[in-house]
Amino acid sequence: MEDVQNFFYKYYLPNNAVMVVAGPVTVDEVKRLSEKWFGPIPAGKPYLRVLPQEPEQNEHRTDEVEANVPLDAIYKAFHVPGKSSELVLRSRLT
């Protein structure tokens, strides 16, 4: 149970959250409602996520795994630009 609580209090806190808003609302309305509903929740300890730079991938790769589990699954992964890439930064302006 201690592991579960540590995980929760590290990742499920306002300073580690992403909020997505859709619909006919204004920025001011979103700010007001966000403060109303989430403002009282205290932030946790700052968490800096340091991920290593993945090497450039230049070829198609596949992997097949078989296991005695009750579910069939197909997973596909695609490269996307990083959150600070020029492409992403330009898209935020539109």
C-alpha atoms as a PDB file:
ATOM      1  CA  MET A   1       0.000   0.000   0.000  1.00  0.00           C
ATOM      2  CA  GLU A   2       2.905   2.354   0.686  1.00  0.00           C
ATOM      3  CA  ASP A   3       4.092   1.985  -2.925  1.00  0.00           C
ATOM      4  CA  VAL A   4       0.609   2.876  -4.177  1.00  0.00           C
ATOM      5  CA  GLN A   5       0.415   5.953  -1.951  1.00  0.00           C
ATOM      6  CA  ASN A   6       3.908   7.104  -2.965  1.00  0.00           C
ATOM      7  CA  PHE A   7       2.985   6.722  -6.636  1.00  0.00           C
ATOM      8  CA  PHE A   8      -0.265   8.633  -6.152  1.00  0.00           C
ATOM      9  CA  TYR A   9       1.338  11.527  -4.282  1.00  0.00           C
ATOM     10  CA  LYS A  10       4.122  11.786  -6.854  1.00  0.00           C
ATOM     11  CA  TYR A  11       2.055  11.726 -10.048  1.00  0.00           C
ATOM     12  CA  TYR A  12      -1.577  12.575  -9.197  1.00  0.00           C
ATOM     13  CA  LEU A  13      -1.102  16.164  -8.085  1.00  0.00           C
ATOM     14  CA  PRO A  14      -1.971  19.515  -9.669  1.00  0.00           C
ATOM     15  CA  ASN A  15       1.654  20.353 -10.492  1.00  0.00           C
ATOM     16  CA  ASN A  16       1.852  17.172 -12.600  1.00  0.00           C
ATOM     17  CA  ALA A  17      -1.528  17.522 -14.310  1.00  0.00           C
ATOM     18  CA  VAL A  18      -2.585  18.299 -17.841  1.00  0.00           C
ATOM     19  CA  MET A  19      -6.035  19.750 -18.403  1.00  0.00           C
ATOM     20  CA  VAL A  20      -7.775  19.649 -21.757  1.00  0.00           C
ATOM     21  CA  VAL A  21     -10.696  21.982 -22.402  1.00  0.00           C
ATOM     22  CA  ALA A  22     -13.087  21.773 -25.316  1.00  0.00           C
ATOM     23  CA  GLY A  23     -16.312  23.504 -26.139  1.00  0.00           C
ATOM     24  CA  PRO A  24     -17.759  26.987 -26.353  1.00  0.00           C
ATOM     25  CA  VAL A  25     -15.984  28.538 -23.365  1.00  0.00           C
ATOM     26  CA  THR A  26     -13.796  31.582 -22.894  1.00  0.00           C
ATOM     27  CA  VAL A  27     -10.295  31.631 -21.463  1.00  0.00           C
ATOM     28  CA  ASP A  28     -11.526  33.714 -18.519  1.00  0.00           C
ATOM     29  CA  GLU A  29     -14.291  31.202 -17.788  1.00  0.00           C
ATOM     30  CA  VAL A  30     -11.834  28.289 -17.896  1.00  0.00           C
ATOM     31  CA  LYS A  31      -9.457  30.106 -15.544  1.00  0.00           C
ATOM     32  CA  ARG A  32     -12.278  30.947 -13.122  1.00  0.00           C
ATOM     33  CA  LEU A  33     -13.658  27.407 -13.031  1.00  0.00           C
ATOM     34  CA  SER A  34     -10.192  25.857 -12.830  1.00  0.00           C
ATOM     35  CA  GLU A  35      -9.394  27.967  -9.795  1.00  0.00           C
ATOM     36  CA  LYS A  36     -12.775  27.167  -8.231  1.00  0.00           C
ATOM     37  CA  TRP A  37     -12.498  23.391  -8.581  1.00  0.00           C
ATOM     38  CA  PHE A  38      -8.764  22.756  -8.490  1.00  0.00           C
ATOM     39  CA  GLY A  39      -7.314  25.784  -6.675  1.00  0.00           C
ATOM     40  CA  PRO A  40      -7.812  24.356  -3.160  1.00  0.00           C
ATOM     41  CA  ILE A  41      -5.859  21.181  -3.979  1.00  0.00           C
ATOM     42  CA  PRO A  42      -2.282  21.688  -2.731  1.00  0.00           C
ATOM     43  CA  ALA A  43       0.580  21.111  -5.141  1.00  0.00           C
ATOM     44  CA  GLY A  44       2.975  18.313  -4.349  1.00  0.00           C
ATOM     45  CA  LYS A  45       6.730  18.283  -4.239  1.00  0.00           C
ATOM     46  CA  PRO A  46       8.232  19.484  -7.536  1.00  0.00           C
ATOM     47  CA  TYR A  47       8.945  16.572  -9.856  1.00  0.00           C
ATOM     48  CA  LEU A  48      11.463  16.963 -12.658  1.00  0.00           C
ATOM     49  CA  ARG A  49      11.117  14.241 -15.238  1.00  0.00           C
ATOM     50  CA  VAL A  50      14.486  13.619 -16.880  1.00  0.00           C
ATOM     51  CA  LEU A  51      14.198  11.377 -19.900  1.00  0.00           C
ATOM     52  CA  PRO A  52      17.195  10.292 -21.958  1.00  0.00           C
ATOM     53  CA  GLN A  53      17.292  11.384 -25.586  1.00  0.00           C
ATOM     54  CA  GLU A  54      16.203   8.496 -27.771  1.00  0.00           C
ATOM     55  CA  PRO A  55      18.621   7.734 -30.595  1.00  0.00           C
ATOM     56  CA  GLU A  56      17.405   8.518 -34.099  1.00  0.00           C
ATOM     57  CA  GLN A  57      15.405   5.660 -35.589  1.00  0.00           C
ATOM     58  CA  ASN A  58      16.156   5.074 -39.253  1.00  0.00           C
ATOM     59  CA  GLU A  59      14.430   1.784 -40.034  1.00  0.00           C
ATOM     60  CA  HIS A  60      11.179  -0.090 -39.509  1.00  0.00           C
ATOM     61  CA  ARG A  61      11.256  -2.421 -36.514  1.00  0.00           C
ATOM     62  CA  THR A  62       8.853  -5.078 -35.315  1.00  0.00           C
ATOM     63  CA  ASP A  63       8.700  -7.384 -32.332  1.00  0.00           C
ATOM     64  CA  GLU A  64       6.336 -10.255 -31.687  1.00  0.00           C
ATOM     65  CA  VAL A  65       5.700 -11.605 -28.215  1.00  0.00           C
ATOM     66  CA  GLU A  66       3.550 -14.577 -27.315  1.00  0.00           C
ATOM     67  CA  ALA A  67       2.328 -15.259 -23.790  1.00  0.00           C
ATOM     68  CA  ASN A  68      -0.410 -17.201 -22.085  1.00  0.00           C
ATOM     69  CA  VAL A  69      -2.648 -14.234 -21.296  1.00  0.00           C
ATOM     70  CA  PRO A  70      -6.410 -13.734 -21.792  1.00  0.00           C
ATOM     71  CA  LEU A  71      -6.102 -10.866 -24.273  1.00  0.00           C
ATOM     72  CA  ASP A  72      -4.868 -10.419 -27.822  1.00  0.00           C
ATOM     73  CA  ALA A  73      -3.389  -7.026 -28.584  1.00  0.00           C
ATOM     74  CA  ILE A  74      -1.650  -5.116 -31.326  1.00  0.00           C
ATOM     75  CA  TYR A  75       0.404  -2.069 -30.406  1.00  0.00           C
ATOM     76  CA  LYS A  76       1.672   0.494 -32.887  1.00  0.00           C
ATOM     77  CA  ALA A  77       4.043   3.287 -31.988  1.00  0.00           C
ATOM     78  CA  PHE A  78       4.842   6.347 -34.064  1.00  0.00           C
ATOM     79  CA  HIS A  79       7.467   9.017 -33.650  1.00  0.00           C
ATOM     80  CA  VAL A  80       6.110  12.451 -32.825  1.00  0.00           C
ATOM     81  CA  PRO A  81       7.963  15.709 -32.313  1.00  0.00           C
ATOM     82  CA  GLY A  82       9.011  16.616 -28.781  1.00  0.00           C
ATOM     83  CA  LYS A  83       6.982  19.149 -26.814  1.00  0.00           C
ATOM     84  CA  SER A  84       9.646  21.815 -27.323  1.00  0.00           C
ATOM     85  CA  SER A  85      10.266  21.135 -31.021  1.00  0.00           C
ATOM     86  CA  GLU A  86       9.867  23.965 -33.518  1.00  0.00           C
ATOM     87  CA  LEU A  87       6.909  22.193 -35.154  1.00  0.00           C
ATOM     88  CA  VAL A  88       4.991  21.926 -31.865  1.00  0.00           C
ATOM     89  CA  LEU A  89       5.855  25.480 -30.793  1.00  0.00           C
ATOM     90  CA  ARG A  90       4.577  26.871 -34.103  1.00  0.00           C
ATOM     91  CA  SER A  91       1.314  24.894 -33.828  1.00  0.00           C
ATOM     92  CA  ARG A  92       0.599  26.456 -30.416  1.00  0.00           C
ATOM     93  CA  LEU A  93       0.507  29.877 -32.030  1.00  0.00           C
ATOM     94  CA  THR A  94      -2.393  29.008 -34.336  1.00  0.00           C
END
